Structure formats: C-alpha cells, structure tokens
Amino acid sequence: LTKEIAKIYDISRGKDKGLVTIGVTQTDKIGGEAAVVTGIVSNMLAQQQKLRFVQIKERDAIYYIAPFEYYNEDFLTFKIDIQTEKERQDVAISFQKKFYYEK
C-alpha cells in the first residue's frame, strides 16, 4: 500500500501491519459489485481483531480493504461475511495464513 493511498484512507503502515483485500463478483461483470463486508481475524491464542472494511472505488472497480496487526510468524484465521447488495445473499468465507515481518 503506497503512503499516499494509506493517508487517504487513514491506514497505518508498518512491519506489523497487514491488509486484507476482498473483491465481490457474482456474474461475469469485471470490476466487482457493491456489498457489505464484515469480519474478524484471530491468532492461535484466540485473540481477535474486528476487521473494518473500507470500500474502494477505482474507475469501474469496487473492492474492500481492512487493515490488521500481527506478530512475526503469527498464524491467523480470517472469518469474513459478505452480503451482496443486489441479491441480499450472505456468503461466509474463512482462510488461514502465516505472516512474517519483512526484513
């Protein structure tokens, strides 16, 4: 994330900061669709952070970003809920990832 973009969306940058990006598509439409995106991220000690997603619109594209913090070699579980605006359809996704500090 560039310094300029981080400043616009009031997102802190640093070696212990991560960013999750979600794009929502239900059709073959390029660029994504509007939705309500919420979620949490937790570590192996069950410590949780609420993900606060911000909608980003760039030309014809719509996507959502949420910052989070982590420790070196942290193994995180993301649980994200998506509600599409058109269909009012709820979708739940989850994934896990190990994070490292960049040297």
Protein backbone atom coordinates (compact mmCIF):
# COMPACT_ATOMS: atom_id res chain seq x y z
CA LEU A 1 0.00 0.00 0.00
CA THR A 2 1.57 3.29 -1.01
CA LYS A 3 1.98 6.09 1.53
CA GLU A 4 -0.42 8.27 -0.45
CA ILE A 5 -3.23 5.71 -0.50
CA ALA A 6 -2.67 4.84 3.18
CA LYS A 7 -3.01 8.53 4.07
CA ILE A 8 -6.26 8.93 2.10
CA TYR A 9 -7.89 6.00 3.93
CA ASP A 10 -6.19 6.66 7.31
CA ILE A 11 -4.41 3.29 7.33
CA SER A 12 -1.24 2.82 9.38
CA ARG A 13 1.72 1.19 7.68
CA GLY A 14 4.47 -0.83 9.37
CA LYS A 15 6.22 -4.18 9.61
CA ASP A 16 3.48 -5.50 11.92
CA LYS A 17 0.57 -4.29 9.75
CA GLY A 18 -1.27 -6.34 7.17
CA LEU A 19 -4.09 -5.63 4.76
CA VAL A 20 -6.81 -7.99 3.54
CA THR A 21 -8.47 -7.24 0.21
CA ILE A 22 -11.86 -8.63 -0.84
CA GLY A 23 -13.47 -8.35 -4.25
CA VAL A 24 -17.09 -9.44 -4.76
CA THR A 25 -18.40 -10.79 -8.06
CA GLN A 26 -21.49 -12.84 -8.77
CA THR A 27 -21.54 -12.58 -12.53
CA ASP A 28 -19.04 -12.22 -15.32
CA LYS A 29 -19.03 -8.48 -14.72
CA ILE A 30 -15.48 -7.16 -14.49
CA GLY A 31 -14.75 -4.81 -11.62
CA GLY A 32 -16.77 -6.26 -8.77
CA GLU A 33 -20.01 -5.37 -7.07
CA ALA A 34 -21.11 -3.41 -4.03
CA ALA A 35 -21.56 -5.41 -0.84
CA VAL A 36 -21.45 -5.22 2.93
CA VAL A 37 -18.23 -6.91 4.11
CA THR A 38 -17.52 -7.64 7.79
CA GLY A 39 -15.20 -9.99 9.58
CA ILE A 40 -12.72 -10.89 12.26
CA VAL A 41 -9.16 -12.17 12.35
CA SER A 42 -7.83 -14.27 15.22
CA ASN A 43 -4.49 -15.75 16.20
CA MET A 44 -3.72 -19.14 17.74
CA LEU A 45 -4.24 -17.69 21.25
CA ALA A 46 -7.83 -16.80 20.25
CA GLN A 47 -7.06 -13.07 20.36
CA GLN A 48 -9.41 -11.36 17.90
CA GLN A 49 -9.43 -8.17 15.90
CA LYS A 50 -12.51 -6.83 14.20
CA LEU A 51 -11.88 -6.12 10.53
CA ARG A 52 -13.13 -2.71 9.45
CA PHE A 53 -13.58 -2.84 5.70
CA VAL A 54 -13.44 0.29 3.57
CA GLN A 55 -14.97 0.34 0.10
CA ILE A 56 -12.53 1.42 -2.62
CA LYS A 57 -13.85 2.60 -5.99
CA GLU A 58 -11.38 3.00 -8.82
CA ARG A 59 -12.94 3.70 -12.20
CA ASP A 60 -15.14 0.62 -12.81
CA ALA A 61 -13.69 -1.46 -9.95
CA ILE A 62 -15.09 -1.90 -6.44
CA TYR A 63 -13.22 -3.76 -3.71
CA TYR A 64 -12.87 -3.72 0.07
CA ILE A 65 -9.78 -3.41 2.25
CA ALA A 66 -9.29 -3.87 6.00
CA PRO A 67 -6.05 -3.41 7.98
CA PHE A 68 -4.98 -5.74 10.79
CA GLU A 69 -1.97 -6.22 13.07
CA TYR A 70 0.17 -9.33 13.54
CA TYR A 71 3.32 -10.61 15.20
CA ASN A 72 6.21 -12.25 13.37
CA GLU A 73 5.35 -15.86 12.48
CA ASP A 74 1.72 -15.31 13.54
CA PHE A 75 -0.72 -17.89 12.17
CA LEU A 76 -4.01 -16.05 11.60
CA THR A 77 -7.54 -17.22 10.82
CA PHE A 78 -9.80 -14.87 8.88
CA LYS A 79 -13.59 -15.21 9.02
CA ILE A 80 -15.38 -12.88 6.63
CA ASP A 81 -19.08 -12.38 5.93
CA ILE A 82 -20.27 -10.84 2.69
CA GLN A 83 -23.79 -9.65 1.97
CA THR A 84 -24.38 -8.63 -1.62
CA GLU A 85 -26.50 -5.56 -2.14
CA LYS A 86 -28.36 -6.83 -5.21
CA GLU A 87 -29.28 -10.35 -4.16
CA ARG A 88 -29.18 -9.86 -0.37
CA GLN A 89 -27.30 -13.14 -0.35
CA ASP A 90 -24.98 -13.93 2.58
CA VAL A 91 -21.67 -15.66 1.93
CA ALA A 92 -19.22 -16.69 4.65
CA ILE A 93 -15.58 -17.41 3.85
CA SER A 94 -12.63 -18.31 6.01
CA PHE A 95 -8.94 -18.86 5.40
CA GLN A 96 -5.69 -19.15 7.31
CA LYS A 97 -2.26 -17.68 6.66
CA LYS A 98 1.07 -17.43 8.46
CA PHE A 99 2.60 -13.94 8.49
CA TYR A 100 6.22 -12.84 8.74
CA TYR A 101 7.88 -9.48 9.28
CA GLU A 102 9.54 -8.21 6.14
CA LYS A 103 13.29 -7.76 6.56
